[in-house]
């Protein structure tokens, strides 16, 4: 029986969860330095969490040294996600790190954005105690809300983070570090339209910031706003695109019945990481949707070759059975 292709495909999930399996282990090395984005100075003892985008999504957790430097051996080839965190900084999430056997990547420079600072730069006496945040005088009540929001966001308690950051943002509407934290909190709380609105303000304040562009584009894609997401993606600086953004854009185009255009994004994803089976998988589906099943056959066979135990490989085998 010929398999029916379903176009409603979910956006790729970039959240990484560590499981017990160690299928992420290999012979590759990755190294880098963690620095303060504002000052360029090293961030000592930052925690680095690596998760591979296949199989068990497993990977190692480790710390940078006192000079912000780190190196890790024993990584498998494939596409990796990275979370970098340190006290006083916003967690940095990086996706689409392509590691290929025998190819040594140059050291990474990872910039951490300071959290909205709530510590007092100057203070008056109660009952009208004030502190300065980002050069602005605010009440201690607002400073406390920022600190509570930071703690809640780090703990992934998004509801409380939203409550506190909304309070702080109302008092400091043009202070973008709080607006960025609010956007992340809205997203974590599954309030996507509000996350997009806040993130749009952040992006418009610094349209050349690749990190801001990628975050906004992925939110727009998840919300089905393909045209707006493409506008952002086309303006991203060289090197800012990630594997997840390319895959998500292609998937969104397939959902909009634009498989030919989707193939172009999957081509870029495969070029970025030829060792990942996902680019081949989605390109194969796009070709099938475009009425070219025979052209999809090599991609589906590549999925089975690269990740024989994956869910995608199982589906690829079913498609292959129907292609004559």
C-alpha atoms as a PDB file:
ATOM      1  CA  UNK A   1       0.000   0.000   0.000  1.00  0.00           C
ATOM      2  CA  UNK A   2       1.343   3.428  -0.883  1.00  0.00           C
ATOM      3  CA  UNK A   3       2.154   5.478   2.199  1.00  0.00           C
ATOM      4  CA  UNK A   4       0.285   8.796   2.493  1.00  0.00           C
ATOM      5  CA  UNK A   5       2.460  11.827   3.239  1.00  0.00           C
ATOM      6  CA  UNK A   6       1.168  14.051   6.010  1.00  0.00           C
ATOM      7  CA  UNK A   7       2.202  17.710   5.805  1.00  0.00           C
ATOM      8  CA  UNK A   8       1.444  18.763   9.378  1.00  0.00           C
ATOM      9  CA  UNK A   9       4.951  18.267  10.785  1.00  0.00           C
ATOM     10  CA  UNK A  10       5.960  19.472  14.228  1.00  0.00           C
ATOM     11  CA  UNK A  11       8.691  22.088  14.697  1.00  0.00           C
ATOM     12  CA  UNK A  12      11.991  20.521  15.741  1.00  0.00           C
ATOM     13  CA  UNK A  13      12.377  20.478  19.522  1.00  0.00           C
ATOM     14  CA  UNK A  14      15.683  21.975  20.654  1.00  0.00           C
ATOM     15  CA  UNK A  15      15.360  21.148  24.339  1.00  0.00           C
ATOM     16  CA  UNK A  16      18.016  18.612  25.372  1.00  0.00           C
ATOM     17  CA  UNK A  17      17.479  16.065  28.127  1.00  0.00           C
ATOM     18  CA  UNK A  18      20.212  13.778  29.425  1.00  0.00           C
ATOM     19  CA  UNK A  19      19.438  10.072  29.672  1.00  0.00           C
ATOM     20  CA  UNK A  20      21.498   7.183  30.881  1.00  0.00           C
ATOM     21  CA  UNK A  21      22.680   5.946  27.455  1.00  0.00           C
ATOM     22  CA  UNK A  22      26.189   6.949  26.396  1.00  0.00           C
ATOM     23  CA  UNK A  23      25.812   6.654  22.628  1.00  0.00           C
ATOM     24  CA  UNK A  24      27.193  10.202  22.409  1.00  0.00           C
ATOM     25  CA  UNK A  25      30.718   9.049  23.145  1.00  0.00           C
ATOM     26  CA  UNK A  26      33.322   9.118  20.359  1.00  0.00           C
ATOM     27  CA  UNK A  27      36.787  10.349  19.480  1.00  0.00           C
ATOM     28  CA  UNK A  28      36.238  14.060  18.826  1.00  0.00           C
ATOM     29  CA  UNK A  29      37.309  17.125  20.786  1.00  0.00           C
ATOM     30  CA  UNK A  30      35.706  20.498  21.408  1.00  0.00           C
ATOM     31  CA  UNK A  31      37.177  23.484  23.245  1.00  0.00           C
ATOM     32  CA  UNK A  32      36.421  27.107  23.930  1.00  0.00           C
ATOM     33  CA  UNK A  33      36.386  30.102  26.255  1.00  0.00           C
ATOM     34  CA  UNK A  34      33.487  31.705  28.139  1.00  0.00           C
ATOM     35  CA  UNK A  35      33.576  35.518  28.368  1.00  0.00           C
ATOM     36  CA  UNK A  36      31.408  38.344  29.627  1.00  0.00           C
ATOM     37  CA  UNK A  37      29.640  39.863  26.612  1.00  0.00           C
ATOM     38  CA  UNK A  38      29.743  43.359  28.072  1.00  0.00           C
ATOM     39  CA  UNK A  39      33.413  43.454  29.134  1.00  0.00           C
ATOM     40  CA  UNK A  40      35.067  40.658  27.179  1.00  0.00           C
ATOM     41  CA  UNK A  41      36.620  39.348  30.395  1.00  0.00           C
ATOM     42  CA  UNK A  42      36.683  35.590  31.126  1.00  0.00           C
ATOM     43  CA  UNK A  43      33.812  34.102  33.123  1.00  0.00           C
ATOM     44  CA  UNK A  44      35.402  31.640  35.576  1.00  0.00           C
ATOM     45  CA  UNK A  45      33.961  28.230  36.394  1.00  0.00           C
ATOM     46  CA  UNK A  46      31.001  28.436  33.979  1.00  0.00           C
ATOM     47  CA  UNK A  47      29.035  25.206  33.580  1.00  0.00           C
ATOM     48  CA  UNK A  48      28.925  23.755  30.061  1.00  0.00           C
ATOM     49  CA  UNK A  49      26.295  21.160  29.136  1.00  0.00           C
ATOM     50  CA  UNK A  50      26.542  19.328  25.810  1.00  0.00           C
ATOM     51  CA  UNK A  51      23.720  17.197  24.372  1.00  0.00           C
ATOM     52  CA  UNK A  52      23.824  15.384  21.037  1.00  0.00           C
ATOM     53  CA  UNK A  53      20.785  15.724  18.748  1.00  0.00           C
ATOM     54  CA  UNK A  54      20.314  12.028  18.114  1.00  0.00           C
ATOM     55  CA  UNK A  55      19.700   8.773  19.919  1.00  0.00           C
ATOM     56  CA  UNK A  56      19.493   9.357  23.645  1.00  0.00           C
ATOM     57  CA  UNK A  57      20.242  13.100  23.449  1.00  0.00           C
ATOM     58  CA  UNK A  58      22.958  12.357  26.008  1.00  0.00           C
ATOM     59  CA  UNK A  59      26.183  14.210  26.682  1.00  0.00           C
ATOM     60  CA  UNK A  60      28.571  15.500  29.316  1.00  0.00           C
ATOM     61  CA  UNK A  61      28.339  18.320  31.877  1.00  0.00           C
ATOM     62  CA  UNK A  62      31.579  20.011  32.947  1.00  0.00           C
ATOM     63  CA  UNK A  63      33.047  23.320  34.111  1.00  0.00           C
ATOM     64  CA  UNK A  64      35.358  25.881  32.578  1.00  0.00           C
ATOM     65  CA  UNK A  65      38.492  26.724  34.551  1.00  0.00           C
ATOM     66  CA  UNK A  66      39.237  29.940  36.419  1.00  0.00           C
ATOM     67  CA  UNK A  67      40.142  31.657  33.137  1.00  0.00           C
ATOM     68  CA  UNK A  68      36.918  30.645  31.425  1.00  0.00           C
ATOM     69  CA  UNK A  69      38.672  28.002  29.305  1.00  0.00           C
ATOM     70  CA  UNK A  70      37.340  24.498  28.733  1.00  0.00           C
ATOM     71  CA  UNK A  71      38.007  21.457  26.581  1.00  0.00           C
ATOM     72  CA  UNK A  72      36.222  18.128  26.303  1.00  0.00           C
ATOM     73  CA  UNK A  73      37.337  14.897  24.646  1.00  0.00           C
ATOM     74  CA  UNK A  74      35.370  11.802  23.660  1.00  0.00           C
ATOM     75  CA  UNK A  75      32.493  13.295  21.646  1.00  0.00           C
ATOM     76  CA  UNK A  76      30.681  11.462  18.877  1.00  0.00           C
ATOM     77  CA  UNK A  77      30.293  12.945  15.397  1.00  0.00           C
ATOM     78  CA  UNK A  78      26.951  14.650  14.844  1.00  0.00           C
ATOM     79  CA  UNK A  79      25.023  17.795  15.717  1.00  0.00           C
ATOM     80  CA  UNK A  80      25.177  19.029  19.308  1.00  0.00           C
ATOM     81  CA  UNK A  81      23.302  21.490  21.514  1.00  0.00           C
ATOM     82  CA  UNK A  82      25.106  23.430  24.220  1.00  0.00           C
ATOM     83  CA  UNK A  83      23.898  25.266  27.335  1.00  0.00           C
ATOM     84  CA  UNK A  84      26.379  27.514  29.129  1.00  0.00           C
ATOM     85  CA  UNK A  85      25.484  29.017  32.493  1.00  0.00           C
ATOM     86  CA  UNK A  86      27.174  30.923  35.296  1.00  0.00           C
ATOM     87  CA  UNK A  87      25.888  32.822  38.339  1.00  0.00           C
ATOM     88  CA  UNK A  88      24.842  36.334  37.371  1.00  0.00           C
ATOM     89  CA  UNK A  89      24.431  35.562  33.662  1.00  0.00           C
ATOM     90  CA  UNK A  90      21.584  34.600  31.338  1.00  0.00           C
ATOM     91  CA  UNK A  91      21.856  30.959  30.262  1.00  0.00           C
ATOM     92  CA  UNK A  92      23.332  30.811  26.725  1.00  0.00           C
ATOM     93  CA  UNK A  93      21.785  28.173  24.459  1.00  0.00           C
ATOM     94  CA  UNK A  94      23.592  27.228  21.256  1.00  0.00           C
ATOM     95  CA  UNK A  95      22.230  24.701  18.773  1.00  0.00           C
ATOM     96  CA  UNK A  96      23.516  23.147  15.592  1.00  0.00           C
ATOM     97  CA  UNK A  97      27.164  22.603  16.553  1.00  0.00           C
ATOM     98  CA  UNK A  98      28.391  20.228  13.857  1.00  0.00           C
ATOM     99  CA  UNK A  99      31.177  17.843  14.877  1.00  0.00           C
ATOM    100  CA  UNK A 100      32.691  15.686  12.140  1.00  0.00           C
ATOM    101  CA  UNK A 101      35.098  12.793  12.582  1.00  0.00           C
ATOM    102  CA  UNK A 102      38.691  13.868  11.977  1.00  0.00           C
ATOM    103  CA  UNK A 103      37.830  17.565  11.659  1.00  0.00           C
ATOM    104  CA  UNK A 104      38.996  19.674  14.593  1.00  0.00           C
ATOM    105  CA  UNK A 105      36.875  22.758  15.174  1.00  0.00           C
ATOM    106  CA  UNK A 106      38.577  26.025  16.204  1.00  0.00           C
ATOM    107  CA  UNK A 107      38.061  27.042  19.844  1.00  0.00           C
ATOM    108  CA  UNK A 108      34.636  28.559  20.461  1.00  0.00           C
ATOM    109  CA  UNK A 109      34.207  32.005  22.019  1.00  0.00           C
ATOM    110  CA  UNK A 110      31.010  31.945  24.050  1.00  0.00           C
ATOM    111  CA  UNK A 111      29.681  35.295  25.240  1.00  0.00           C
ATOM    112  CA  UNK A 112      27.358  35.338  28.250  1.00  0.00           C
ATOM    113  CA  UNK A 113      24.915  38.187  28.711  1.00  0.00           C
ATOM    114  CA  UNK A 114      24.807  39.565  32.268  1.00  0.00           C
ATOM    115  CA  UNK A 115      21.461  39.176  33.982  1.00  0.00           C
ATOM    116  CA  UNK A 116      19.518  42.321  34.643  1.00  0.00           C
ATOM    117  CA  UNK A 117      21.572  43.587  37.585  1.00  0.00           C
ATOM    118  CA  UNK A 118      19.627  44.186  40.731  1.00  0.00           C
ATOM    119  CA  UNK A 119      22.533  45.037  42.994  1.00  0.00           C
ATOM    120  CA  UNK A 120      22.619  48.581  44.327  1.00  0.00           C
ATOM    121  CA  UNK A 121      24.887  51.095  42.648  1.00  0.00           C
ATOM    122  CA  UNK A 122      23.671  53.715  45.063  1.00  0.00           C
ATOM    123  CA  UNK A 123      20.965  53.638  47.659  1.00  0.00           C
ATOM    124  CA  UNK A 124      18.889  56.081  49.640  1.00  0.00           C
ATOM    125  CA  UNK A 125      17.410  55.530  53.048  1.00  0.00           C
ATOM    126  CA  UNK A 126      13.941  53.992  53.558  1.00  0.00           C
ATOM    127  CA  UNK A 127      11.081  54.532  53.152  1.00  0.00           C
ATOM    128  CA  UNK A 128      12.028  55.602  49.596  1.00  0.00           C
ATOM    129  CA  UNK A 129      15.023  53.340  49.121  1.00  0.00           C
ATOM    130  CA  UNK A 130      16.255  53.333  45.533  1.00  0.00           C
ATOM    131  CA  UNK A 131      18.855  51.390  43.625  1.00  0.00           C
ATOM    132  CA  UNK A 132      20.287  51.877  40.164  1.00  0.00           C
ATOM    133  CA  UNK A 133      19.765  49.256  37.464  1.00  0.00           C
ATOM    134  CA  UNK A 134      21.327  49.820  34.068  1.00  0.00           C
ATOM    135  CA  UNK A 135      21.975  53.434  35.015  1.00  0.00           C
ATOM    136  CA  UNK A 136      18.344  54.019  35.986  1.00  0.00           C
ATOM    137  CA  UNK A 137      17.096  54.749  39.485  1.00  0.00           C
ATOM    138  CA  UNK A 138      14.389  52.284  40.540  1.00  0.00           C
ATOM    139  CA  UNK A 139      12.727  51.387  43.802  1.00  0.00           C
ATOM    140  CA  UNK A 140      14.004  48.519  45.884  1.00  0.00           C
ATOM    141  CA  UNK A 141      10.715  46.793  45.129  1.00  0.00           C
ATOM    142  CA  UNK A 142      11.595  46.721  41.396  1.00  0.00           C
ATOM    143  CA  UNK A 143      15.150  45.583  42.116  1.00  0.00           C
ATOM    144  CA  UNK A 144      13.742  42.756  44.236  1.00  0.00           C
ATOM    145  CA  UNK A 145      11.396  41.808  41.370  1.00  0.00           C
ATOM    146  CA  UNK A 146      14.385  41.551  39.016  1.00  0.00           C
ATOM    147  CA  UNK A 147      16.261  39.318  41.437  1.00  0.00           C
ATOM    148  CA  UNK A 148      13.168  37.149  41.924  1.00  0.00           C
ATOM    149  CA  UNK A 149      12.694  36.936  38.160  1.00  0.00           C
ATOM    150  CA  UNK A 150      16.316  35.903  37.648  1.00  0.00           C
ATOM    151  CA  UNK A 151      16.013  33.166  40.256  1.00  0.00           C
ATOM    152  CA  UNK A 152      12.716  31.916  38.825  1.00  0.00           C
ATOM    153  CA  UNK A 153      14.037  31.846  35.246  1.00  0.00           C
ATOM    154  CA  UNK A 154      17.144  29.912  36.268  1.00  0.00           C
ATOM    155  CA  UNK A 155      14.893  27.437  38.080  1.00  0.00           C
ATOM    156  CA  UNK A 156      12.606  27.227  34.996  1.00  0.00           C
ATOM    157  CA  UNK A 157       9.718  28.476  37.121  1.00  0.00           C
ATOM    158  CA  UNK A 158       8.412  30.471  34.168  1.00  0.00           C
ATOM    159  CA  UNK A 159       5.116  31.588  35.685  1.00  0.00           C
ATOM    160  CA  UNK A 160       6.843  33.378  38.574  1.00  0.00           C
ATOM    161  CA  UNK A 161       9.517  34.698  36.215  1.00  0.00           C
ATOM    162  CA  UNK A 162       6.806  36.285  34.033  1.00  0.00           C
ATOM    163  CA  UNK A 163       5.116  37.895  37.022  1.00  0.00           C
ATOM    164  CA  UNK A 164       8.321  39.482  38.300  1.00  0.00           C
ATOM    165  CA  UNK A 165       9.773  40.518  34.940  1.00  0.00           C
ATOM    166  CA  UNK A 166       6.452  42.078  33.877  1.00  0.00           C
ATOM    167  CA  UNK A 167       6.562  44.207  37.005  1.00  0.00           C
ATOM    168  CA  UNK A 168      10.162  45.232  36.348  1.00  0.00           C
ATOM    169  CA  UNK A 169       9.605  45.837  32.618  1.00  0.00           C
ATOM    170  CA  UNK A 170       6.643  48.115  33.316  1.00  0.00           C
ATOM    171  CA  UNK A 171       8.965  50.278  35.407  1.00  0.00           C
ATOM    172  CA  UNK A 172      11.851  50.049  32.875  1.00  0.00           C
ATOM    173  CA  UNK A 173      10.193  49.611  29.453  1.00  0.00           C
ATOM    174  CA  UNK A 174      13.301  50.502  27.415  1.00  0.00           C
ATOM    175  CA  UNK A 175      15.791  48.323  29.336  1.00  0.00           C
ATOM    176  CA  UNK A 176      16.318  45.433  26.922  1.00  0.00           C
ATOM    177  CA  UNK A 177      18.022  42.896  29.256  1.00  0.00           C
ATOM    178  CA  UNK A 178      14.768  42.693  31.231  1.00  0.00           C
ATOM    179  CA  UNK A 179      12.711  42.572  28.016  1.00  0.00           C
ATOM    180  CA  UNK A 180      14.863  39.677  26.762  1.00  0.00           C
ATOM    181  CA  UNK A 181      14.408  37.807  30.041  1.00  0.00           C
ATOM    182  CA  UNK A 182      10.659  38.468  29.826  1.00  0.00           C
ATOM    183  CA  UNK A 183      10.552  37.064  26.273  1.00  0.00           C
ATOM    184  CA  UNK A 184      12.329  33.884  27.413  1.00  0.00           C
ATOM    185  CA  UNK A 185       9.935  33.586  30.352  1.00  0.00           C
ATOM    186  CA  UNK A 186       6.841  34.016  28.167  1.00  0.00           C
ATOM    187  CA  UNK A 187       8.184  31.317  25.846  1.00  0.00           C
ATOM    188  CA  UNK A 188       8.825  28.934  28.719  1.00  0.00           C
ATOM    189  CA  UNK A 189       5.314  29.612  30.025  1.00  0.00           C
ATOM    190  CA  UNK A 190       3.829  28.716  26.591  1.00  0.00           C
ATOM    191  CA  UNK A 191       2.698  32.288  25.964  1.00  0.00           C
ATOM    192  CA  UNK A 192       4.107  32.416  22.446  1.00  0.00           C
ATOM    193  CA  UNK A 193       2.377  35.595  21.107  1.00  0.00           C
ATOM    194  CA  UNK A 194       3.616  37.571  24.127  1.00  0.00           C
ATOM    195  CA  UNK A 195       7.088  36.051  23.738  1.00  0.00           C
ATOM    196  CA  UNK A 196       7.169  37.181  20.096  1.00  0.00           C
ATOM    197  CA  UNK A 197       6.023  40.698  20.977  1.00  0.00           C
ATOM    198  CA  UNK A 198       8.718  41.098  23.648  1.00  0.00           C
ATOM    199  CA  UNK A 199      11.406  39.479  21.496  1.00  0.00           C
ATOM    200  CA  UNK A 200      10.516  41.766  18.576  1.00  0.00           C
ATOM    201  CA  UNK A 201      11.263  44.780  20.763  1.00  0.00           C
ATOM    202  CA  UNK A 202      14.611  43.268  21.742  1.00  0.00           C
ATOM    203  CA  UNK A 203      15.501  42.434  18.133  1.00  0.00           C
ATOM    204  CA  UNK A 204      14.520  45.898  16.877  1.00  0.00           C
ATOM    205  CA  UNK A 205      16.823  47.439  19.478  1.00  0.00           C
ATOM    206  CA  UNK A 206      19.818  45.563  17.970  1.00  0.00           C
ATOM    207  CA  UNK A 207      18.901  44.108  14.531  1.00  0.00           C
ATOM    208  CA  UNK A 208      22.498  43.065  13.802  1.00  0.00           C
ATOM    209  CA  UNK A 209      22.594  40.774  16.847  1.00  0.00           C
ATOM    210  CA  UNK A 210      22.521  37.252  15.391  1.00  0.00           C
ATOM    211  CA  UNK A 211      21.419  35.616  18.652  1.00  0.00           C
ATOM    212  CA  UNK A 212      18.386  37.892  18.883  1.00  0.00           C
ATOM    213  CA  UNK A 213      17.518  37.222  15.240  1.00  0.00           C
ATOM    214  CA  UNK A 214      17.707  33.448  15.624  1.00  0.00           C
ATOM    215  CA  UNK A 215      15.533  33.502  18.763  1.00  0.00           C
ATOM    216  CA  UNK A 216      12.876  35.666  17.113  1.00  0.00           C
ATOM    217  CA  UNK A 217      12.910  33.686  13.855  1.00  0.00           C
ATOM    218  CA  UNK A 218      12.408  30.385  15.671  1.00  0.00           C
ATOM    219  CA  UNK A 219       9.532  31.824  17.695  1.00  0.00           C
ATOM    220  CA  UNK A 220       7.877  33.129  14.519  1.00  0.00           C
ATOM    221  CA  UNK A 221       8.308  29.762  12.813  1.00  0.00           C
ATOM    222  CA  UNK A 222       6.758  27.975  15.766  1.00  0.00           C
ATOM    223  CA  UNK A 223       3.824  30.379  15.559  1.00  0.00           C
ATOM    224  CA  UNK A 224       3.361  29.711  11.824  1.00  0.00           C
ATOM    225  CA  UNK A 225       4.540  33.181  10.738  1.00  0.00           C
ATOM    226  CA  UNK A 226       6.803  31.910   7.967  1.00  0.00           C
ATOM    227  CA  UNK A 227       7.036  35.121   5.930  1.00  0.00           C
ATOM    228  CA  UNK A 228       8.114  37.220   8.914  1.00  0.00           C
ATOM    229  CA  UNK A 229      10.582  34.556  10.008  1.00  0.00           C
ATOM    230  CA  UNK A 230      12.136  34.488   6.530  1.00  0.00           C
ATOM    231  CA  UNK A 231      12.596  38.259   6.622  1.00  0.00           C
ATOM    232  CA  UNK A 232      14.595  37.895   9.828  1.00  0.00           C
ATOM    233  CA  UNK A 233      16.572  34.892   8.555  1.00  0.00           C
ATOM    234  CA  UNK A 234      17.616  36.686   5.361  1.00  0.00           C
ATOM    235  CA  UNK A 235      19.073  39.524   7.449  1.00  0.00           C
ATOM    236  CA  UNK A 236      21.043  37.303   9.842  1.00  0.00           C
ATOM    237  CA  UNK A 237      24.806  37.927   9.818  1.00  0.00           C
ATOM    238  CA  UNK A 238      27.034  35.239   8.348  1.00  0.00           C
ATOM    239  CA  UNK A 239      27.551  32.381  10.758  1.00  0.00           C
ATOM    240  CA  UNK A 240      24.471  33.146  12.875  1.00  0.00           C
ATOM    241  CA  UNK A 241      22.242  30.479  11.282  1.00  0.00           C
ATOM    242  CA  UNK A 242      21.912  27.248  13.250  1.00  0.00           C
ATOM    243  CA  UNK A 243      20.955  23.751  12.191  1.00  0.00           C
ATOM    244  CA  UNK A 244      17.671  24.021  14.095  1.00  0.00           C
ATOM    245  CA  UNK A 245      16.725  27.282  12.362  1.00  0.00           C
ATOM    246  CA  UNK A 246      17.380  25.790   8.922  1.00  0.00           C
ATOM    247  CA  UNK A 247      15.363  22.661   9.698  1.00  0.00           C
ATOM    248  CA  UNK A 248      12.517  24.609  11.293  1.00  0.00           C
ATOM    249  CA  UNK A 249      12.284  26.955   8.295  1.00  0.00           C
ATOM    250  CA  UNK A 250      12.170  24.059   5.866  1.00  0.00           C
ATOM    251  CA  UNK A 251       9.532  22.261   7.935  1.00  0.00           C
ATOM    252  CA  UNK A 252       7.424  25.439   8.104  1.00  0.00           C
ATOM    253  CA  UNK A 253       7.610  25.709   4.304  1.00  0.00           C
ATOM    254  CA  UNK A 254       6.439  22.115   3.965  1.00  0.00           C
ATOM    255  CA  UNK A 255       3.509  22.883   6.238  1.00  0.00           C
ATOM    256  CA  UNK A 256       2.718  25.811   3.924  1.00  0.00           C
ATOM    257  CA  UNK A 257       2.827  23.434   0.903  1.00  0.00           C
ATOM    258  CA  UNK A 258       6.087  24.920  -0.411  1.00  0.00           C
ATOM    259  CA  UNK A 259       8.252  21.766  -0.661  1.00  0.00           C
ATOM    260  CA  UNK A 260      10.515  23.040  -3.458  1.00  0.00           C
ATOM    261  CA  UNK A 261      11.552  26.048  -1.361  1.00  0.00           C
ATOM    262  CA  UNK A 262      11.936  23.799   1.694  1.00  0.00           C
ATOM    263  CA  UNK A 263      14.497  21.662  -0.140  1.00  0.00           C
ATOM    264  CA  UNK A 264      16.806  24.694  -0.354  1.00  0.00           C
ATOM    265  CA  UNK A 265      16.912  25.029   3.442  1.00  0.00           C
ATOM    266  CA  UNK A 266      17.451  21.304   3.929  1.00  0.00           C
ATOM    267  CA  UNK A 267      20.331  21.494   1.432  1.00  0.00           C
ATOM    268  CA  UNK A 268      21.944  24.124   3.668  1.00  0.00           C
ATOM    269  CA  UNK A 269      21.333  21.974   6.763  1.00  0.00           C
ATOM    270  CA  UNK A 270      23.041  18.996   5.117  1.00  0.00           C
ATOM    271  CA  UNK A 271      25.973  21.188   4.098  1.00  0.00           C
ATOM    272  CA  UNK A 272      26.267  22.461   7.685  1.00  0.00           C
ATOM    273  CA  UNK A 273      26.304  18.928   9.140  1.00  0.00           C
ATOM    274  CA  UNK A 274      26.548  16.097   6.604  1.00  0.00           C
ATOM    275  CA  UNK A 275      26.846  13.595   9.467  1.00  0.00           C
ATOM    276  CA  UNK A 276      23.356  14.371  10.806  1.00  0.00           C
ATOM    277  CA  UNK A 277      20.514  12.240   9.467  1.00  0.00           C
ATOM    278  CA  UNK A 278      17.872  14.930  10.024  1.00  0.00           C
ATOM    279  CA  UNK A 279      18.704  17.043   6.971  1.00  0.00           C
ATOM    280  CA  UNK A 280      18.437  14.008   4.695  1.00  0.00           C
ATOM    281  CA  UNK A 281      15.228  12.868   6.383  1.00  0.00           C
ATOM    282  CA  UNK A 282      13.378  16.132   5.923  1.00  0.00           C
ATOM    283  CA  UNK A 283      14.740  16.691   2.409  1.00  0.00           C
ATOM    284  CA  UNK A 284      13.447  13.239   1.489  1.00  0.00           C
ATOM    285  CA  UNK A 285      10.006  14.097   2.847  1.00  0.00           C
ATOM    286  CA  UNK A 286      10.026  17.421   0.974  1.00  0.00           C
ATOM    287  CA  UNK A 287      10.850  15.641  -2.287  1.00  0.00           C
ATOM    288  CA  UNK A 288       8.024  13.161  -1.706  1.00  0.00           C
ATOM    289  CA  UNK A 289       5.647  16.031  -0.992  1.00  0.00           C
ATOM    290  CA  UNK A 290       6.833  17.644  -4.234  1.00  0.00           C
ATOM    291  CA  UNK A 291       5.938  14.519  -6.199  1.00  0.00           C
ATOM    292  CA  UNK A 292       9.510  13.268  -6.628  1.00  0.00           C
ATOM    293  CA  UNK A 293       9.680  10.038  -4.596  1.00  0.00           C
ATOM    294  CA  UNK A 294      12.460   8.479  -6.689  1.00  0.00           C
ATOM    295  CA  UNK A 295      14.688  11.505  -5.989  1.00  0.00           C
ATOM    296  CA  UNK A 296      13.904  11.065  -2.288  1.00  0.00           C
ATOM    297  CA  UNK A 297      15.118   7.469  -2.217  1.00  0.00           C
ATOM    298  CA  UNK A 298      18.882   8.228  -1.733  1.00  0.00           C
ATOM    299  CA  UNK A 299      18.081  10.602   1.142  1.00  0.00           C
ATOM    300  CA  UNK A 300      15.904   8.021   2.895  1.00  0.00           C
ATOM    301  CA  UNK A 301      18.593   5.382   2.452  1.00  0.00           C
ATOM    302  CA  UNK A 302      21.112   7.838   3.959  1.00  0.00           C
ATOM    303  CA  UNK A 303      18.885   8.231   7.028  1.00  0.00           C
ATOM    304  CA  UNK A 304      18.923   4.477   7.592  1.00  0.00           C
ATOM    305  CA  UNK A 305      22.696   4.405   7.093  1.00  0.00           C
ATOM    306  CA  UNK A 306      23.486   7.263   9.491  1.00  0.00           C
ATOM    307  CA  UNK A 307      20.965   6.547  12.261  1.00  0.00           C
ATOM    308  CA  UNK A 308      19.629   3.003  11.839  1.00  0.00           C
ATOM    309  CA  UNK A 309      17.996   2.904  15.281  1.00  0.00           C
ATOM    310  CA  UNK A 310      16.284   6.279  15.118  1.00  0.00           C
ATOM    311  CA  UNK A 311      12.559   6.910  14.744  1.00  0.00           C
ATOM    312  CA  UNK A 312      13.297   8.688  11.457  1.00  0.00           C
ATOM    313  CA  UNK A 313      15.048   5.575  10.117  1.00  0.00           C
ATOM    314  CA  UNK A 314      11.975   3.479  10.904  1.00  0.00           C
ATOM    315  CA  UNK A 315       9.765   5.896   8.990  1.00  0.00           C
ATOM    316  CA  UNK A 316      12.291   6.100   6.135  1.00  0.00           C
ATOM    317  CA  UNK A 317      12.132   2.313   5.730  1.00  0.00           C
ATOM    318  CA  UNK A 318       8.341   2.489   5.400  1.00  0.00           C
ATOM    319  CA  UNK A 319       8.617   5.168   2.705  1.00  0.00           C
ATOM    320  CA  UNK A 320      11.280   3.137   0.878  1.00  0.00           C
ATOM    321  CA  UNK A 321       8.928   0.154   0.706  1.00  0.00           C
ATOM    322  CA  UNK A 322       6.406   2.259  -1.229  1.00  0.00           C
ATOM    323  CA  UNK A 323       8.907   3.696  -3.721  1.00  0.00           C
ATOM    324  CA  UNK A 324       9.270   1.564  -6.817  1.00  0.00           C
END
